[in-house]
Amino acid sequence: MEEVIAILNEIRPAQNFSNAENFFDQGMLDSLDLTALVAALETHYDVFIDVDEIAPDNFSNLLAIKAILARKGVSV
């Protein structure tokens, strides 16, 4: 999970992603950040995230990100 947090901190420094319930509802990320996050995760973990999966609910917190990466065969 530390790698995911590092990626999030590159996109939006100085946020406490570890304890957040919903990055978007709490104003930590916006739709442009979602695009950057998806691109960074795809590059870092060498996965492809289908356009149908690119929705805030799938990236709303660390557990959601862990779940989508698990569906791609990545263990974090």
PDB file of N, CA and C in Angstrom:
ATOM      1  N   MET A   1       0.815  -1.201   0.000  1.00  0.00           N
ATOM      2  CA  MET A   1       0.000   0.000   0.000  1.00  0.00           C
ATOM      3  C   MET A   1       0.858   1.264   0.000  1.00  0.00           C
ATOM      4  N   GLU A   2       2.076   1.127   0.475  1.00  0.00           N
ATOM      5  CA  GLU A   2       2.958   2.294   0.521  1.00  0.00           C
ATOM      6  C   GLU A   2       3.228   2.845  -0.880  1.00  0.00           C
ATOM      7  N   GLU A   3       3.320   1.947  -1.869  1.00  0.00           N
ATOM      8  CA  GLU A   3       3.547   2.403  -3.243  1.00  0.00           C
ATOM      9  C   GLU A   3       2.347   3.198  -3.757  1.00  0.00           C
ATOM     10  N   VAL A   4       1.145   2.740  -3.433  1.00  0.00           N
ATOM     11  CA  VAL A   4      -0.063   3.454  -3.857  1.00  0.00           C
ATOM     12  C   VAL A   4      -0.115   4.829  -3.188  1.00  0.00           C
ATOM     13  N   ILE A   5       0.215   4.875  -1.909  1.00  0.00           N
ATOM     14  CA  ILE A   5       0.237   6.157  -1.193  1.00  0.00           C
ATOM     15  C   ILE A   5       1.281   7.083  -1.807  1.00  0.00           C
ATOM     16  N   ALA A   6       2.427   6.538  -2.186  1.00  0.00           N
ATOM     17  CA  ALA A   6       3.463   7.355  -2.823  1.00  0.00           C
ATOM     18  C   ALA A   6       2.965   7.929  -4.147  1.00  0.00           C
ATOM     19  N   ILE A   7       2.249   7.116  -4.925  1.00  0.00           N
ATOM     20  CA  ILE A   7       1.684   7.593  -6.189  1.00  0.00           C
ATOM     21  C   ILE A   7       0.680   8.706  -5.921  1.00  0.00           C
ATOM     22  N   LEU A   8      -0.194   8.502  -4.944  1.00  0.00           N
ATOM     23  CA  LEU A   8      -1.172   9.532  -4.589  1.00  0.00           C
ATOM     24  C   LEU A   8      -0.480  10.817  -4.140  1.00  0.00           C
ATOM     25  N   ASN A   9       0.595  10.688  -3.374  1.00  0.00           N
ATOM     26  CA  ASN A   9       1.322  11.870  -2.898  1.00  0.00           C
ATOM     27  C   ASN A   9       2.031  12.605  -4.025  1.00  0.00           C
ATOM     28  N   GLU A  10       2.385  11.902  -5.103  1.00  0.00           N
ATOM     29  CA  GLU A  10       2.959  12.578  -6.265  1.00  0.00           C
ATOM     30  C   GLU A  10       1.899  13.422  -6.965  1.00  0.00           C
ATOM     31  N   ILE A  11       0.665  12.925  -6.958  1.00  0.00           N
ATOM     32  CA  ILE A  11      -0.422  13.639  -7.615  1.00  0.00           C
ATOM     33  C   ILE A  11      -0.885  14.815  -6.770  1.00  0.00           C
ATOM     34  N   ARG A  12      -1.064  14.574  -5.481  1.00  0.00           N
ATOM     35  CA  ARG A  12      -1.503  15.614  -4.536  1.00  0.00           C
ATOM     36  C   ARG A  12      -0.680  15.513  -3.257  1.00  0.00           C
ATOM     37  N   PRO A  13       0.431  16.230  -3.190  1.00  0.00           N
ATOM     38  CA  PRO A  13       1.275  16.192  -1.991  1.00  0.00           C
ATOM     39  C   PRO A  13       0.551  16.749  -0.761  1.00  0.00           C
ATOM     40  N   ALA A  14       1.047  16.358   0.379  1.00  0.00           N
ATOM     41  CA  ALA A  14       0.601  16.888   1.676  1.00  0.00           C
ATOM     42  C   ALA A  14      -0.844  16.535   2.023  1.00  0.00           C
ATOM     43  N   GLN A  15      -1.315  15.404   1.530  1.00  0.00           N
ATOM     44  CA  GLN A  15      -2.641  14.907   1.907  1.00  0.00           C
ATOM     45  C   GLN A  15      -2.451  13.658   2.762  1.00  0.00           C
ATOM     46  N   ASN A  16      -3.389  13.401   3.657  1.00  0.00           N
ATOM     47  CA  ASN A  16      -3.330  12.196   4.480  1.00  0.00           C
ATOM     48  C   ASN A  16      -4.248  11.147   3.866  1.00  0.00           C
ATOM     49  N   PHE A  17      -3.754  10.467   2.852  1.00  0.00           N
ATOM     50  CA  PHE A  17      -4.550   9.475   2.142  1.00  0.00           C
ATOM     51  C   PHE A  17      -4.805   8.231   2.987  1.00  0.00           C
ATOM     52  N   SER A  18      -3.948   7.953   3.935  1.00  0.00           N
ATOM     53  CA  SER A  18      -4.071   6.734   4.736  1.00  0.00           C
ATOM     54  C   SER A  18      -5.374   6.652   5.504  1.00  0.00           C
ATOM     55  N   ASN A  19      -5.859   7.753   6.020  1.00  0.00           N
ATOM     56  CA  ASN A  19      -7.038   7.742   6.871  1.00  0.00           C
ATOM     57  C   ASN A  19      -8.304   8.247   6.192  1.00  0.00           C
ATOM     58  N   ALA A  20      -8.233   8.526   4.906  1.00  0.00           N
ATOM     59  CA  ALA A  20      -9.380   9.097   4.203  1.00  0.00           C
ATOM     60  C   ALA A  20     -10.428   8.034   3.884  1.00  0.00           C
ATOM     61  N   GLU A  21     -11.681   8.426   4.005  1.00  0.00           N
ATOM     62  CA  GLU A  21     -12.785   7.528   3.660  1.00  0.00           C
ATOM     63  C   GLU A  21     -13.152   7.647   2.188  1.00  0.00           C
ATOM     64  N   ASN A  22     -13.095   8.874   1.654  1.00  0.00           N
ATOM     65  CA  ASN A  22     -13.419   9.089   0.250  1.00  0.00           C
ATOM     66  C   ASN A  22     -12.621  10.291  -0.253  1.00  0.00           C
ATOM     67  N   PHE A  23     -11.629  10.002  -1.082  1.00  0.00           N
ATOM     68  CA  PHE A  23     -10.737  11.059  -1.577  1.00  0.00           C
ATOM     69  C   PHE A  23     -11.496  12.173  -2.292  1.00  0.00           C
ATOM     70  N   PHE A  24     -12.533  11.821  -3.009  1.00  0.00           N
ATOM     71  CA  PHE A  24     -13.259  12.810  -3.819  1.00  0.00           C
ATOM     72  C   PHE A  24     -14.220  13.632  -2.967  1.00  0.00           C
ATOM     73  N   ASP A  25     -14.964  12.959  -2.092  1.00  0.00           N
ATOM     74  CA  ASP A  25     -15.897  13.674  -1.216  1.00  0.00           C
ATOM     75  C   ASP A  25     -15.170  14.598  -0.247  1.00  0.00           C
ATOM     76  N   GLN A  26     -13.957  14.219   0.128  1.00  0.00           N
ATOM     77  CA  GLN A  26     -13.178  15.012   1.074  1.00  0.00           C
ATOM     78  C   GLN A  26     -12.324  16.072   0.378  1.00  0.00           C
ATOM     79  N   GLY A  27     -12.442  16.189  -0.935  1.00  0.00           N
ATOM     80  CA  GLY A  27     -11.723  17.222  -1.678  1.00  0.00           C
ATOM     81  C   GLY A  27     -10.243  16.968  -1.846  1.00  0.00           C
ATOM     82  N   MET A  28      -9.823  15.744  -1.648  1.00  0.00           N
ATOM     83  CA  MET A  28      -8.406  15.417  -1.786  1.00  0.00           C
ATOM     84  C   MET A  28      -8.014  15.180  -3.237  1.00  0.00           C
ATOM     85  N   LEU A  29      -8.946  14.672  -4.039  1.00  0.00           N
ATOM     86  CA  LEU A  29      -8.732  14.433  -5.463  1.00  0.00           C
ATOM     87  C   LEU A  29      -9.924  14.966  -6.240  1.00  0.00           C
ATOM     88  N   ASP A  30      -9.678  15.307  -7.513  1.00  0.00           N
ATOM     89  CA  ASP A  30     -10.763  15.695  -8.402  1.00  0.00           C
ATOM     90  C   ASP A  30     -10.694  14.841  -9.665  1.00  0.00           C
ATOM     91  N   SER A  31     -11.534  15.134 -10.634  1.00  0.00           N
ATOM     92  CA  SER A  31     -11.611  14.290 -11.830  1.00  0.00           C
ATOM     93  C   SER A  31     -10.307  14.288 -12.635  1.00  0.00           C
ATOM     94  N   LEU A  32      -9.597  15.397 -12.657  1.00  0.00           N
ATOM     95  CA  LEU A  32      -8.308  15.420 -13.345  1.00  0.00           C
ATOM     96  C   LEU A  32      -7.286  14.566 -12.614  1.00  0.00           C
ATOM     97  N   ASP A  33      -7.344  14.590 -11.296  1.00  0.00           N
ATOM     98  CA  ASP A  33      -6.455  13.739 -10.506  1.00  0.00           C
ATOM     99  C   ASP A  33      -6.757  12.267 -10.752  1.00  0.00           C
ATOM    100  N   LEU A  34      -8.029  11.936 -10.952  1.00  0.00           N
ATOM    101  CA  LEU A  34      -8.413  10.551 -11.234  1.00  0.00           C
ATOM    102  C   LEU A  34      -7.725  10.061 -12.498  1.00  0.00           C
ATOM    103  N   THR A  35      -7.703  10.883 -13.516  1.00  0.00           N
ATOM    104  CA  THR A  35      -7.033  10.529 -14.767  1.00  0.00           C
ATOM    105  C   THR A  35      -5.543  10.296 -14.532  1.00  0.00           C
ATOM    106  N   ALA A  36      -4.918  11.175 -13.777  1.00  0.00           N
ATOM    107  CA  ALA A  36      -3.491  11.032 -13.468  1.00  0.00           C
ATOM    108  C   ALA A  36      -3.244   9.780 -12.636  1.00  0.00           C
ATOM    109  N   LEU A  37      -4.132   9.493 -11.697  1.00  0.00           N
ATOM    110  CA  LEU A  37      -3.985   8.320 -10.840  1.00  0.00           C
ATOM    111  C   LEU A  37      -4.078   7.039 -11.662  1.00  0.00           C
ATOM    112  N   VAL A  38      -5.063   6.960 -12.535  1.00  0.00           N
ATOM    113  CA  VAL A  38      -5.219   5.776 -13.377  1.00  0.00           C
ATOM    114  C   VAL A  38      -3.976   5.569 -14.234  1.00  0.00           C
ATOM    115  N   ALA A  39      -3.486   6.629 -14.857  1.00  0.00           N
ATOM    116  CA  ALA A  39      -2.285   6.526 -15.696  1.00  0.00           C
ATOM    117  C   ALA A  39      -1.081   6.071 -14.877  1.00  0.00           C
ATOM    118  N   ALA A  40      -0.929   6.616 -13.684  1.00  0.00           N
ATOM    119  CA  ALA A  40       0.206   6.253 -12.838  1.00  0.00           C
ATOM    120  C   ALA A  40       0.112   4.800 -12.379  1.00  0.00           C
ATOM    121  N   LEU A  41      -1.075   4.354 -12.019  1.00  0.00           N
ATOM    122  CA  LEU A  41      -1.253   2.960 -11.592  1.00  0.00           C
ATOM    123  C   LEU A  41      -0.996   2.006 -12.750  1.00  0.00           C
ATOM    124  N   GLU A  42      -1.501   2.348 -13.925  1.00  0.00           N
ATOM    125  CA  GLU A  42      -1.273   1.500 -15.100  1.00  0.00           C
ATOM    126  C   GLU A  42       0.219   1.373 -15.400  1.00  0.00           C
ATOM    127  N   THR A  43       0.922   2.473 -15.332  1.00  0.00           N
ATOM    128  CA  THR A  43       2.356   2.458 -15.611  1.00  0.00           C
ATOM    129  C   THR A  43       3.127   1.705 -14.528  1.00  0.00           C
ATOM    130  N   HIS A  44       2.849   2.028 -13.284  1.00  0.00           N
ATOM    131  CA  HIS A  44       3.600   1.436 -12.175  1.00  0.00           C
ATOM    132  C   HIS A  44       3.379  -0.072 -12.058  1.00  0.00           C
ATOM    133  N   TYR A  45       2.136  -0.501 -12.218  1.00  0.00           N
ATOM    134  CA  TYR A  45       1.813  -1.916 -12.022  1.00  0.00           C
ATOM    135  C   TYR A  45       1.669  -2.689 -13.330  1.00  0.00           C
ATOM    136  N   ASP A  46       1.907  -2.031 -14.459  1.00  0.00           N
ATOM    137  CA  ASP A  46       1.829  -2.649 -15.776  1.00  0.00           C
ATOM    138  C   ASP A  46       0.490  -3.364 -15.975  1.00  0.00           C
ATOM    139  N   VAL A  47      -0.592  -2.622 -15.748  1.00  0.00           N
ATOM    140  CA  VAL A  47      -1.945  -3.140 -15.928  1.00  0.00           C
ATOM    141  C   VAL A  47      -2.705  -2.205 -16.865  1.00  0.00           C
ATOM    142  N   PHE A  48      -3.849  -2.684 -17.338  1.00  0.00           N
ATOM    143  CA  PHE A  48      -4.744  -1.857 -18.140  1.00  0.00           C
ATOM    144  C   PHE A  48      -6.061  -1.743 -17.399  1.00  0.00           C
ATOM    145  N   ILE A  49      -6.485  -0.524 -17.158  1.00  0.00           N
ATOM    146  CA  ILE A  49      -7.762  -0.271 -16.503  1.00  0.00           C
ATOM    147  C   ILE A  49      -8.739   0.183 -17.575  1.00  0.00           C
ATOM    148  N   ASP A  50      -9.763  -0.636 -17.777  1.00  0.00           N
ATOM    149  CA  ASP A  50     -10.756  -0.375 -18.813  1.00  0.00           C
ATOM    150  C   ASP A  50     -11.492   0.926 -18.532  1.00  0.00           C
ATOM    151  N   VAL A  51     -11.881   1.603 -19.584  1.00  0.00           N
ATOM    152  CA  VAL A  51     -12.565   2.890 -19.446  1.00  0.00           C
ATOM    153  C   VAL A  51     -13.833   2.755 -18.600  1.00  0.00           C
ATOM    154  N   ASP A  52     -14.505   1.617 -18.663  1.00  0.00           N
ATOM    155  CA  ASP A  52     -15.714   1.402 -17.865  1.00  0.00           C
ATOM    156  C   ASP A  52     -15.423   1.339 -16.372  1.00  0.00           C
ATOM    157  N   GLU A  53     -14.173   1.070 -16.021  1.00  0.00           N
ATOM    158  CA  GLU A  53     -13.779   0.975 -14.614  1.00  0.00           C
ATOM    159  C   GLU A  53     -13.304   2.308 -14.039  1.00  0.00           C
ATOM    160  N   ILE A  54     -13.102   3.288 -14.905  1.00  0.00           N
ATOM    161  CA  ILE A  54     -12.584   4.573 -14.459  1.00  0.00           C
ATOM    162  C   ILE A  54     -13.738   5.424 -13.942  1.00  0.00           C
ATOM    163  N   ALA A  55     -14.015   5.225 -12.661  1.00  0.00           N
ATOM    164  CA  ALA A  55     -15.078   5.947 -11.967  1.00  0.00           C
ATOM    165  C   ALA A  55     -14.595   6.245 -10.554  1.00  0.00           C
ATOM    166  N   PRO A  56     -14.982   7.378 -10.011  1.00  0.00           N
ATOM    167  CA  PRO A  56     -14.511   7.733  -8.662  1.00  0.00           C
ATOM    168  C   PRO A  56     -14.730   6.637  -7.616  1.00  0.00           C
ATOM    169  N   ASP A  57     -15.823   5.905  -7.707  1.00  0.00           N
ATOM    170  CA  ASP A  57     -16.076   4.849  -6.714  1.00  0.00           C
ATOM    171  C   ASP A  57     -14.983   3.788  -6.686  1.00  0.00           C
ATOM    172  N   ASN A  58     -14.363   3.523  -7.826  1.00  0.00           N
ATOM    173  CA  ASN A  58     -13.307   2.514  -7.886  1.00  0.00           C
ATOM    174  C   ASN A  58     -11.963   3.010  -7.365  1.00  0.00           C
ATOM    175  N   PHE A  59     -11.859   4.309  -7.094  1.00  0.00           N
ATOM    176  CA  PHE A  59     -10.607   4.907  -6.645  1.00  0.00           C
ATOM    177  C   PHE A  59     -10.835   5.844  -5.461  1.00  0.00           C
ATOM    178  N   SER A  60     -11.903   5.630  -4.726  1.00  0.00           N
ATOM    179  CA  SER A  60     -12.330   6.560  -3.683  1.00  0.00           C
ATOM    180  C   SER A  60     -11.506   6.488  -2.406  1.00  0.00           C
ATOM    181  N   ASN A  61     -10.836   5.371  -2.181  1.00  0.00           N
ATOM    182  CA  ASN A  61      -9.990   5.221  -0.995  1.00  0.00           C
ATOM    183  C   ASN A  61      -8.995   4.098  -1.243  1.00  0.00           C
ATOM    184  N   LEU A  62      -8.148   3.843  -0.280  1.00  0.00           N
ATOM    185  CA  LEU A  62      -7.107   2.836  -0.471  1.00  0.00           C
ATOM    186  C   LEU A  62      -7.686   1.441  -0.667  1.00  0.00           C
ATOM    187  N   LEU A  63      -8.754   1.103   0.035  1.00  0.00           N
ATOM    188  CA  LEU A  63      -9.359  -0.225  -0.122  1.00  0.00           C
ATOM    189  C   LEU A  63      -9.939  -0.403  -1.518  1.00  0.00           C
ATOM    190  N   ALA A  64     -10.560   0.644  -2.056  1.00  0.00           N
ATOM    191  CA  ALA A  64     -11.117   0.573  -3.404  1.00  0.00           C
ATOM    192  C   ALA A  64     -10.011   0.394  -4.439  1.00  0.00           C
ATOM    193  N   ILE A  65      -8.904   1.113  -4.263  1.00  0.00           N
ATOM    194  CA  ILE A  65      -7.770   0.979  -5.183  1.00  0.00           C
ATOM    195  C   ILE A  65      -7.174  -0.417  -5.065  1.00  0.00           C
ATOM    196  N   LYS A  66      -7.047  -0.910  -3.858  1.00  0.00           N
ATOM    197  CA  LYS A  66      -6.530  -2.265  -3.650  1.00  0.00           C
ATOM    198  C   LYS A  66      -7.422  -3.287  -4.345  1.00  0.00           C
ATOM    199  N   ALA A  67      -8.729  -3.094  -4.270  1.00  0.00           N
ATOM    200  CA  ALA A  67      -9.675  -4.025  -4.888  1.00  0.00           C
ATOM    201  C   ALA A  67      -9.557  -4.013  -6.407  1.00  0.00           C
ATOM    202  N   ILE A  68      -9.459  -2.839  -7.011  1.00  0.00           N
ATOM    203  CA  ILE A  68      -9.379  -2.799  -8.474  1.00  0.00           C
ATOM    204  C   ILE A  68      -8.037  -3.378  -8.942  1.00  0.00           C
ATOM    205  N   LEU A  69      -6.976  -3.124  -8.195  1.00  0.00           N
ATOM    206  CA  LEU A  69      -5.689  -3.715  -8.569  1.00  0.00           C
ATOM    207  C   LEU A  69      -5.717  -5.231  -8.390  1.00  0.00           C
ATOM    208  N   ALA A  70      -6.386  -5.711  -7.366  1.00  0.00           N
ATOM    209  CA  ALA A  70      -6.516  -7.161  -7.153  1.00  0.00           C
ATOM    210  C   ALA A  70      -7.244  -7.804  -8.333  1.00  0.00           C
ATOM    211  N   ARG A  71      -8.273  -7.133  -8.864  1.00  0.00           N
ATOM    212  CA  ARG A  71      -8.984  -7.656 -10.033  1.00  0.00           C
ATOM    213  C   ARG A  71      -8.069  -7.739 -11.250  1.00  0.00           C
ATOM    214  N   LYS A  72      -7.014  -6.959 -11.230  1.00  0.00           N
ATOM    215  CA  LYS A  72      -6.037  -6.977 -12.332  1.00  0.00           C
ATOM    216  C   LYS A  72      -4.872  -7.929 -12.048  1.00  0.00           C
ATOM    217  N   GLY A  73      -4.940  -8.617 -10.913  1.00  0.00           N
ATOM    218  CA  GLY A  73      -3.893  -9.582 -10.578  1.00  0.00           C
ATOM    219  C   GLY A  73      -2.729  -9.004  -9.809  1.00  0.00           C
ATOM    220  N   VAL A  74      -2.903  -7.801  -9.269  1.00  0.00           N
ATOM    221  CA  VAL A  74      -1.834  -7.129  -8.526  1.00  0.00           C
ATOM    222  C   VAL A  74      -2.135  -7.188  -7.040  1.00  0.00           C
ATOM    223  N   SER A  75      -1.154  -7.618  -6.267  1.00  0.00           N
ATOM    224  CA  SER A  75      -1.286  -7.637  -4.821  1.00  0.00           C
ATOM    225  C   SER A  75      -0.519  -6.464  -4.234  1.00  0.00           C
ATOM    226  N   VAL A  76      -1.229  -5.626  -3.491  1.00  0.00           N
ATOM    227  CA  VAL A  76      -0.560  -4.475  -2.859  1.00  0.00           C
ATOM    228  C   VAL A  76      -0.702  -4.546  -1.372  1.00  0.00           C
TER     229      VAL A  76
END
